[in-house]
Amino acid sequence: MINFIGTYDCKADSKGRIMMPVALKNQMSPILNNGFVIKRSVFQPCLELYPMEEWNLLMQKMNKKNRFKKKNNDFIRRFSAGVKVVEIDATGRLLIPKNLVDIANIGKEVVLSSAINIIEIWDKDSYEKVLEDTAEDFAALAEEVMGDDGDDGVDVS
């Protein structure tokens, strides 16, 4: 399992190509040849770039859902809408499919933000707005999500 680190400002050209920053490309080097999957985010107006291994793990989990339950089938259809396999080319560029550029409103200024095992791809203005909108609630969110006093053996402080 890979854990990406960092947030990177990039530029997208008119065809939706992004030059991957060297620091991020170096983190990806062990998995570059395996390919990636790009999709729209469930919760945010951004895209998510999954290394193929991470995508396959997620698909194994999804494949356990009973497809004879309508809500499961509806979720899988919506979750996988617009999903594409992509590669980072020899020059280090990622081509974002046009329909996904439109969905995430990707402009010239782009932010690539690590989200543990995936990379979020944001239009810069959208990214900054989301950070600003969630800034004052972050302390409460951190306490709720990470503040469990349970003894799971993991100390994050």
Protein backbone atom coordinates (compact mmCIF):
# COMPACT_ATOMS: atom_id res chain seq x y z
CA MET A 1 0.00 0.00 0.00
CA ILE A 2 1.28 3.44 -0.91
CA ASN A 3 0.82 6.58 1.17
CA PHE A 4 1.21 9.77 -0.83
CA ILE A 5 2.51 12.94 0.82
CA GLY A 6 2.09 16.53 -0.25
CA THR A 7 -0.02 19.14 -1.97
CA TYR A 8 1.16 20.47 -5.31
CA ASP A 9 0.14 23.42 -7.47
CA CYS A 10 0.16 22.56 -11.18
CA LYS A 11 -1.05 23.86 -14.50
CA ALA A 12 -3.38 22.11 -16.91
CA ASP A 13 -3.10 22.76 -20.61
CA SER A 14 -6.04 23.18 -22.99
CA LYS A 15 -6.20 19.40 -23.57
CA GLY A 16 -6.45 18.61 -19.85
CA ARG A 17 -2.86 17.46 -19.46
CA ILE A 18 -1.09 18.00 -16.15
CA MET A 19 2.66 17.71 -15.70
CA MET A 20 3.16 15.66 -12.55
CA PRO A 21 5.47 17.39 -10.04
CA VAL A 22 8.81 15.60 -9.67
CA ALA A 23 8.30 14.98 -5.93
CA LEU A 24 4.95 13.29 -6.58
CA LYS A 25 6.21 11.39 -9.61
CA ASN A 26 9.08 10.05 -7.48
CA GLN A 27 6.56 8.77 -4.92
CA MET A 28 4.66 7.10 -7.75
CA SER A 29 7.72 5.51 -9.37
CA PRO A 30 7.16 2.01 -7.92
CA ILE A 31 3.62 1.92 -9.34
CA LEU A 32 3.82 4.04 -12.51
CA ASN A 33 3.77 1.07 -14.86
CA ASN A 34 0.63 -0.41 -13.28
CA GLY A 35 -1.63 2.45 -14.39
CA PHE A 36 -4.25 4.46 -12.57
CA VAL A 37 -8.00 4.94 -12.42
CA ILE A 38 -9.52 8.40 -12.35
CA LYS A 39 -13.05 9.16 -11.21
CA ARG A 40 -15.25 11.88 -9.81
CA SER A 41 -15.29 12.22 -6.03
CA VAL A 42 -18.37 11.13 -4.12
CA PHE A 43 -18.34 14.05 -1.67
CA GLN A 44 -16.37 16.91 -3.27
CA PRO A 45 -16.19 18.73 -6.62
CA CYS A 46 -12.87 17.11 -7.48
CA LEU A 47 -11.42 14.03 -9.13
CA GLU A 48 -9.68 11.09 -7.49
CA LEU A 49 -6.65 9.32 -8.94
CA TYR A 50 -6.31 5.75 -7.70
CA PRO A 51 -3.23 3.60 -8.24
CA MET A 52 -4.47 0.42 -9.94
CA GLU A 53 -3.65 -1.73 -6.89
CA GLU A 54 -5.75 0.52 -4.64
CA TRP A 55 -8.58 0.54 -7.16
CA ASN A 56 -8.56 -3.25 -7.33
CA LEU A 57 -8.79 -3.49 -3.52
CA LEU A 58 -11.77 -1.13 -3.57
CA MET A 59 -13.41 -3.13 -6.34
CA GLN A 60 -13.00 -6.35 -4.34
CA LYS A 61 -14.90 -4.69 -1.50
CA MET A 62 -17.59 -3.37 -3.86
CA ASN A 63 -17.94 -6.75 -5.56
CA LYS A 64 -19.13 -8.21 -2.25
CA LYS A 65 -22.25 -6.05 -2.40
CA ASN A 66 -25.46 -7.87 -3.28
CA ARG A 67 -26.36 -6.62 -6.77
CA PHE A 68 -29.95 -7.78 -6.25
CA LYS A 69 -30.49 -4.93 -3.81
CA LYS A 70 -31.51 -1.85 -5.76
CA LYS A 71 -29.64 0.60 -3.52
CA ASN A 72 -26.40 -1.36 -4.00
CA ASN A 73 -26.86 -1.46 -7.76
CA ASP A 74 -27.70 2.25 -7.86
CA PHE A 75 -24.65 3.09 -5.76
CA ILE A 76 -22.30 1.01 -7.91
CA ARG A 77 -23.64 2.60 -11.09
CA ARG A 78 -23.27 6.13 -9.73
CA PHE A 79 -19.88 5.40 -8.15
CA SER A 80 -18.45 4.04 -11.38
CA ALA A 81 -19.98 6.65 -13.70
CA GLY A 82 -17.23 8.27 -15.75
CA VAL A 83 -14.44 6.05 -14.41
CA LYS A 84 -11.45 5.86 -16.76
CA VAL A 85 -8.13 4.04 -16.82
CA VAL A 86 -5.29 6.53 -17.29
CA GLU A 87 -1.52 6.48 -17.44
CA ILE A 88 1.23 8.93 -16.74
CA ASP A 89 3.17 9.20 -19.99
CA ALA A 90 6.95 9.02 -20.45
CA THR A 91 7.25 12.80 -20.05
CA GLY A 92 5.37 12.72 -16.73
CA ARG A 93 2.02 14.04 -17.95
CA LEU A 94 -1.42 12.89 -16.88
CA LEU A 95 -4.21 13.37 -19.42
CA ILE A 96 -7.53 14.00 -17.69
CA PRO A 97 -10.45 12.93 -19.88
CA LYS A 98 -12.53 15.88 -21.14
CA ASN A 99 -15.77 14.77 -19.46
CA LEU A 100 -14.01 14.62 -16.09
CA VAL A 101 -12.36 18.02 -16.64
CA ASP A 102 -15.86 19.41 -17.10
CA ILE A 103 -17.35 17.58 -14.11
CA ALA A 104 -14.67 18.90 -11.72
CA ASN A 105 -14.56 22.32 -13.39
CA ILE A 106 -10.80 21.97 -13.84
CA GLY A 107 -9.27 25.17 -15.15
CA LYS A 108 -5.68 26.16 -15.84
CA GLU A 109 -4.67 26.26 -12.15
CA VAL A 110 -4.82 22.79 -10.53
CA VAL A 111 -4.03 21.38 -7.10
CA LEU A 112 -2.94 17.79 -6.61
CA SER A 113 -3.56 16.86 -2.99
CA SER A 114 -2.53 13.61 -1.36
CA ALA A 115 -5.34 11.80 0.45
CA ILE A 116 -3.38 8.89 1.92
CA ASN A 117 -3.54 6.27 -0.87
CA ILE A 118 -5.08 8.40 -3.63
CA ILE A 119 -4.50 11.82 -5.16
CA GLU A 120 -7.30 14.36 -5.31
CA ILE A 121 -7.27 16.61 -8.39
CA TRP A 122 -8.88 20.00 -7.82
CA ASP A 123 -9.45 23.23 -9.64
CA LYS A 124 -7.35 25.58 -7.48
CA ASP A 125 -10.18 28.00 -6.67
CA SER A 126 -12.49 25.13 -5.64
CA TYR A 127 -9.78 23.62 -3.45
CA GLU A 128 -9.08 26.89 -1.66
CA LYS A 129 -12.81 27.49 -1.12
CA VAL A 130 -13.31 24.03 0.41
CA LEU A 131 -10.33 24.57 2.74
CA GLU A 132 -11.67 27.97 3.74
CA ASP A 133 -15.23 26.68 4.28
CA THR A 134 -14.06 23.85 6.55
CA ALA A 135 -11.33 25.74 8.45
CA GLU A 136 -13.29 26.65 11.56
CA ASP A 137 -14.95 23.23 11.83
CA PHE A 138 -11.67 21.34 11.44
CA ALA A 139 -10.82 21.18 15.16
CA ALA A 140 -14.22 19.68 16.00
CA LEU A 141 -13.97 17.30 13.05
CA ALA A 142 -10.46 16.20 14.10
CA GLU A 143 -11.67 15.51 17.62
CA GLU A 144 -14.68 13.54 16.38
CA VAL A 145 -12.77 11.49 13.81
CA MET A 146 -9.43 11.00 15.55
CA GLY A 147 -10.19 11.69 19.22
CA ASP A 148 -11.33 8.20 20.19
CA ASP A 149 -9.84 7.23 23.53
CA GLY A 150 -10.11 3.54 22.63
CA ASP A 151 -7.03 1.42 23.06
CA ASP A 152 -6.36 0.33 19.50
CA GLY A 153 -2.61 0.52 19.96
CA VAL A 154 -2.19 3.43 17.55
CA ASP A 155 -0.85 6.70 18.89
CA VAL A 156 -1.08 9.56 16.38
CA SER A 157 0.20 12.29 18.67
